[in-house]
């Protein structure tokens, strides 16, 4: 009886939304192996994207195959094994060299013949094409969102990403603190460290609960988002979100930052 590795994979990427969960894949594959009388000697479970090479569990499985531990792989579909040309090429190469004799999929026909390898190559190519197309469509959607004045990523401090409306809205409590920080720095009597201390005293700290670094404060004070604009791909765009800082205060802060940034 030929020995097989069972490989199941799922990631949090958008293209994996419709794919069976890890548990469902394993259940289906175990039943498939039992029906086909296949001897599964080890199961490999990976929760990582296959868009780029470098999956540690997948590579470990291939190393064992090269050592001759098994002659085949069972997986749900070829796109579970590879969504990039490098990993797909490794599978084809192992078949060509005879290290890998058989691939079994409940959802895909394969035989170790020239025609079978040709069809497998097409399946790997389709998986990569799907990922590439999805990535391009996502980028196109983000560009369209930017054209409408909608910020396409995580909102800065003082704002919230509203999951219901998919818009950026003002966090009234934190935005008031941010506004006061701008006013303090505009007076030219405070250092970046002082602003960091002020924010910390009012509950605005890093994700780890530490005071914000001076570089983070400098970025915050120079972020045009607070006057209704936003940066994207190196350009400034007019946003639909509500400004919380006046242009006058923002410009004054930029002057102070510029003065403080000059070498002594």
Protein backbone atom coordinates (compact mmCIF):
# COMPACT_ATOMS: atom_id res chain seq x y z
CA UNK A 1 0.00 0.00 0.00
CA UNK A 2 1.33 3.44 -0.94
CA UNK A 3 2.01 5.84 1.93
CA UNK A 4 0.63 9.38 1.86
CA UNK A 5 0.96 12.67 3.68
CA UNK A 6 -2.28 14.57 4.33
CA UNK A 7 -1.94 18.34 3.86
CA UNK A 8 -4.64 20.84 4.88
CA UNK A 9 -4.28 24.62 4.68
CA UNK A 10 -6.37 27.73 5.15
CA UNK A 11 -5.40 31.36 5.60
CA UNK A 12 -7.24 34.54 6.56
CA UNK A 13 -6.76 35.97 3.06
CA UNK A 14 -9.78 37.11 1.09
CA UNK A 15 -9.35 34.38 -1.53
CA UNK A 16 -9.74 31.72 1.15
CA UNK A 17 -13.13 32.88 2.39
CA UNK A 18 -15.05 30.23 0.44
CA UNK A 19 -12.63 27.40 1.22
CA UNK A 20 -13.52 24.70 3.74
CA UNK A 21 -12.23 25.23 7.26
CA UNK A 22 -9.20 23.24 8.42
CA UNK A 23 -11.43 20.92 10.44
CA UNK A 24 -13.76 20.33 7.50
CA UNK A 25 -10.83 19.65 5.14
CA UNK A 26 -9.32 17.11 7.54
CA UNK A 27 -12.65 15.33 8.02
CA UNK A 28 -13.30 15.14 4.26
CA UNK A 29 -9.74 14.02 3.49
CA UNK A 30 -9.76 11.29 6.16
CA UNK A 31 -13.01 9.94 4.74
CA UNK A 32 -11.59 10.18 1.22
CA UNK A 33 -8.44 8.27 2.27
CA UNK A 34 -10.57 5.57 3.87
CA UNK A 35 -12.74 5.19 0.76
CA UNK A 36 -9.69 4.99 -1.52
CA UNK A 37 -7.80 2.69 0.87
CA UNK A 38 -4.89 5.15 1.20
CA UNK A 39 -2.40 4.85 4.05
CA UNK A 40 -1.96 8.29 5.68
CA UNK A 41 1.19 8.22 7.83
CA UNK A 42 1.24 11.89 8.88
CA UNK A 43 -0.99 14.98 8.72
CA UNK A 44 0.35 18.45 8.01
CA UNK A 45 -1.87 21.38 9.01
CA UNK A 46 -0.94 24.94 8.07
CA UNK A 47 -2.68 28.26 8.70
CA UNK A 48 -0.78 30.52 6.33
CA UNK A 49 -1.20 32.16 2.97
CA UNK A 50 0.27 30.39 -0.05
CA UNK A 51 0.57 33.55 -2.14
CA UNK A 52 4.33 33.70 -1.56
CA UNK A 53 6.92 30.94 -0.93
CA UNK A 54 8.19 30.27 2.57
CA UNK A 55 5.60 28.10 4.36
CA UNK A 56 7.59 26.21 6.98
CA UNK A 57 5.22 23.24 7.36
CA UNK A 58 4.81 22.84 3.59
CA UNK A 59 8.60 22.93 3.10
CA UNK A 60 9.10 20.42 5.91
CA UNK A 61 6.66 18.06 4.18
CA UNK A 62 8.55 18.36 0.89
CA UNK A 63 11.86 17.62 2.63
CA UNK A 64 10.40 14.39 4.01
CA UNK A 65 9.11 13.47 0.56
CA UNK A 66 12.60 13.98 -0.89
CA UNK A 67 13.92 11.56 1.75
CA UNK A 68 11.50 8.93 0.47
CA UNK A 69 9.24 8.73 3.53
CA UNK A 70 6.07 8.65 1.40
CA UNK A 71 5.14 8.46 -2.24
CA UNK A 72 2.09 10.74 -2.33
CA UNK A 73 0.12 13.69 -0.93
CA UNK A 74 -3.60 13.96 -0.19
CA UNK A 75 -5.06 17.47 -0.21
CA UNK A 76 -8.42 19.10 -0.84
CA UNK A 77 -7.39 20.89 -4.05
CA UNK A 78 -4.14 21.91 -5.81
CA UNK A 79 -4.63 25.50 -4.57
CA UNK A 80 -4.16 24.21 -1.00
CA UNK A 81 -0.63 23.17 -1.98
CA UNK A 82 0.37 26.24 -3.99
CA UNK A 83 -0.85 29.65 -5.06
CA UNK A 84 2.56 30.79 -6.30
CA UNK A 85 4.80 29.61 -9.13
CA UNK A 86 7.71 28.55 -6.88
CA UNK A 87 5.79 26.09 -4.69
CA UNK A 88 3.81 24.79 -7.66
CA UNK A 89 7.09 24.25 -9.50
CA UNK A 90 8.49 22.28 -6.55
CA UNK A 91 5.56 19.85 -6.67
CA UNK A 92 5.94 19.37 -10.43
CA UNK A 93 9.71 18.87 -10.04
CA UNK A 94 9.23 16.21 -7.35
CA UNK A 95 6.87 14.39 -9.73
CA UNK A 96 9.41 14.66 -12.56
CA UNK A 97 12.20 13.27 -10.35
CA UNK A 98 10.10 10.40 -9.07
CA UNK A 99 10.28 11.49 -5.41
CA UNK A 100 6.53 12.09 -5.59
CA UNK A 101 4.50 9.45 -7.38
CA UNK A 102 0.91 10.37 -6.65
CA UNK A 103 -1.32 13.30 -5.69
CA UNK A 104 -4.90 12.67 -4.56
CA UNK A 105 -7.64 15.31 -4.45
CA UNK A 106 -11.35 14.77 -3.79
CA UNK A 107 -12.08 17.83 -5.97
CA UNK A 108 -9.51 17.39 -8.75
CA UNK A 109 -8.47 14.55 -11.06
CA UNK A 110 -4.75 13.78 -11.35
CA UNK A 111 -2.60 10.96 -12.70
CA UNK A 112 1.24 10.91 -12.86
CA UNK A 113 1.32 11.13 -16.66
CA UNK A 114 2.47 13.95 -18.96
CA UNK A 115 -1.18 14.93 -19.43
CA UNK A 116 -1.81 14.75 -15.68
CA UNK A 117 1.18 16.96 -14.89
CA UNK A 118 0.09 19.37 -17.61
CA UNK A 119 -3.37 19.66 -16.04
CA UNK A 120 -1.81 20.08 -12.59
CA UNK A 121 0.37 22.89 -13.93
CA UNK A 122 -2.74 24.58 -15.30
CA UNK A 123 -4.45 24.23 -11.91
CA UNK A 124 -1.48 25.87 -10.17
CA UNK A 125 -1.47 28.62 -12.81
CA UNK A 126 -5.19 29.25 -12.32
CA UNK A 127 -4.66 29.51 -8.55
CA UNK A 128 -1.94 32.11 -9.05
CA UNK A 129 -4.00 33.98 -11.64
CA UNK A 130 -6.93 34.12 -9.21
CA UNK A 131 -4.73 35.56 -6.45
CA UNK A 132 -3.12 38.09 -8.81
CA UNK A 133 -6.49 39.19 -10.19
CA UNK A 134 -7.97 39.48 -6.71
CA UNK A 135 -5.02 41.61 -5.60
CA UNK A 136 -5.41 43.91 -8.60
CA UNK A 137 -9.17 44.20 -8.06
CA UNK A 138 -8.57 45.04 -4.40
CA UNK A 139 -6.09 47.77 -5.37
CA UNK A 140 -8.55 49.11 -7.94
CA UNK A 141 -11.25 49.22 -5.26
CA UNK A 142 -8.95 51.11 -2.90
CA UNK A 143 -8.10 53.65 -5.61
CA UNK A 144 -11.80 54.20 -6.26
CA UNK A 145 -12.38 54.65 -2.55
CA UNK A 146 -9.63 57.28 -2.44
CA UNK A 147 -11.22 59.12 -5.38
CA UNK A 148 -14.43 59.35 -3.35
CA UNK A 149 -12.48 60.87 -0.46
CA UNK A 150 -12.78 57.77 1.73
CA UNK A 151 -9.72 56.80 3.76
CA UNK A 152 -8.86 53.21 2.68
CA UNK A 153 -6.99 51.99 5.74
CA UNK A 154 -6.88 52.07 9.54
CA UNK A 155 -8.01 55.41 10.98
CA UNK A 156 -5.44 57.43 12.97
CA UNK A 157 -5.75 58.25 16.67
CA UNK A 158 -8.80 60.36 17.36
CA UNK A 159 -10.88 58.57 14.74
CA UNK A 160 -12.66 55.22 14.43
CA UNK A 161 -13.33 52.91 11.48
CA UNK A 162 -17.10 52.45 11.56
CA UNK A 163 -17.70 48.83 10.49
CA UNK A 164 -21.38 49.56 9.84
CA UNK A 165 -20.98 52.48 7.43
CA UNK A 166 -17.42 51.58 6.30
CA UNK A 167 -16.52 55.22 6.98
CA UNK A 168 -14.08 56.97 9.32
CA UNK A 169 -15.81 58.84 12.14
CA UNK A 170 -14.57 61.05 14.97
CA UNK A 171 -13.78 59.52 18.35
CA UNK A 172 -15.10 62.44 20.38
CA UNK A 173 -13.17 61.68 23.56
CA UNK A 174 -9.77 61.04 21.98
CA UNK A 175 -10.12 63.72 19.31
CA UNK A 176 -10.57 66.34 22.02
CA UNK A 177 -7.28 65.23 23.59
CA UNK A 178 -5.54 65.25 20.19
CA UNK A 179 -6.89 68.74 19.53
CA UNK A 180 -5.51 69.97 22.86
CA UNK A 181 -2.13 68.40 22.06
CA UNK A 182 -1.97 70.37 18.82
CA UNK A 183 -2.82 73.57 20.67
CA UNK A 184 -0.13 72.94 23.31
CA UNK A 185 2.55 72.33 20.71
CA UNK A 186 1.46 75.36 18.67
CA UNK A 187 2.31 77.55 21.70
CA UNK A 188 5.96 76.52 21.17
CA UNK A 189 6.49 75.81 24.87
CA UNK A 190 6.35 72.01 24.72
CA UNK A 191 8.71 69.34 23.50
CA UNK A 192 7.57 66.21 21.68
CA UNK A 193 8.22 64.31 24.92
CA UNK A 194 5.90 66.70 26.75
CA UNK A 195 3.14 66.04 24.24
CA UNK A 196 3.72 62.30 24.69
CA UNK A 197 3.35 62.69 28.46
CA UNK A 198 0.18 64.75 28.01
CA UNK A 199 -1.37 62.12 25.75
CA UNK A 200 -0.43 59.33 28.17
CA UNK A 201 -2.01 61.19 31.06
CA UNK A 202 -5.20 61.33 29.02
CA UNK A 203 -5.21 57.66 28.07
CA UNK A 204 -3.60 57.80 24.63
CA UNK A 205 -0.72 55.33 24.59
CA UNK A 206 0.71 52.61 22.33
CA UNK A 207 -0.96 49.22 21.91
CA UNK A 208 1.43 47.86 24.53
CA UNK A 209 0.43 50.59 26.98
CA UNK A 210 3.64 52.62 26.65
CA UNK A 211 4.05 56.33 26.03
CA UNK A 212 4.23 57.20 22.35
CA UNK A 213 7.75 57.66 20.98
CA UNK A 214 8.76 61.16 19.90
CA UNK A 215 8.88 60.04 16.24
CA UNK A 216 5.28 58.87 16.54
CA UNK A 217 4.32 62.22 18.08
CA UNK A 218 6.07 64.07 15.25
CA UNK A 219 4.16 62.00 12.69
CA UNK A 220 0.87 62.61 14.51
CA UNK A 221 1.43 66.39 14.62
CA UNK A 222 2.26 66.49 10.90
CA UNK A 223 -0.61 64.27 9.79
CA UNK A 224 -2.97 66.30 7.52
CA UNK A 225 -5.77 63.86 8.33
CA UNK A 226 -6.74 66.07 11.26
CA UNK A 227 -7.58 68.98 8.91
CA UNK A 228 -9.65 66.85 6.53
CA UNK A 229 -6.93 65.61 4.15
CA UNK A 230 -5.08 62.31 3.93
CA UNK A 231 -1.95 60.86 2.37
CA UNK A 232 -2.16 57.89 0.00
CA UNK A 233 0.53 56.58 -2.34
CA UNK A 234 2.65 59.65 -1.76
CA UNK A 235 -0.15 62.09 -2.61
CA UNK A 236 -2.49 64.30 -0.56
CA UNK A 237 -6.22 63.77 -1.08
CA UNK A 238 -9.25 65.60 0.23
CA UNK A 239 -11.20 63.38 2.60
CA UNK A 240 -14.86 63.07 3.48
CA UNK A 241 -14.09 62.69 7.19
CA UNK A 242 -14.68 65.49 9.67
CA UNK A 243 -11.63 67.65 10.52
CA UNK A 244 -10.86 68.15 14.21
CA UNK A 245 -8.06 70.73 13.88
CA UNK A 246 -8.27 74.15 12.28
CA UNK A 247 -5.91 74.98 9.41
CA UNK A 248 -4.51 77.86 11.46
CA UNK A 249 -3.48 75.63 14.39
CA UNK A 250 -2.15 72.93 12.04
CA UNK A 251 -0.02 75.43 10.10
CA UNK A 252 1.37 76.86 13.35
CA UNK A 253 2.33 73.36 14.51
CA UNK A 254 4.12 72.74 11.20
CA UNK A 255 6.10 75.95 11.69
CA UNK A 256 7.17 74.86 15.17
CA UNK A 257 8.12 71.39 13.90
CA UNK A 258 10.19 72.98 11.16
CA UNK A 259 11.94 75.33 13.61
CA UNK A 260 12.65 72.54 16.07
CA UNK A 261 13.93 70.34 13.26
CA UNK A 262 16.65 72.79 12.18
CA UNK A 263 20.18 71.85 13.28
CA UNK A 264 21.63 74.06 16.01
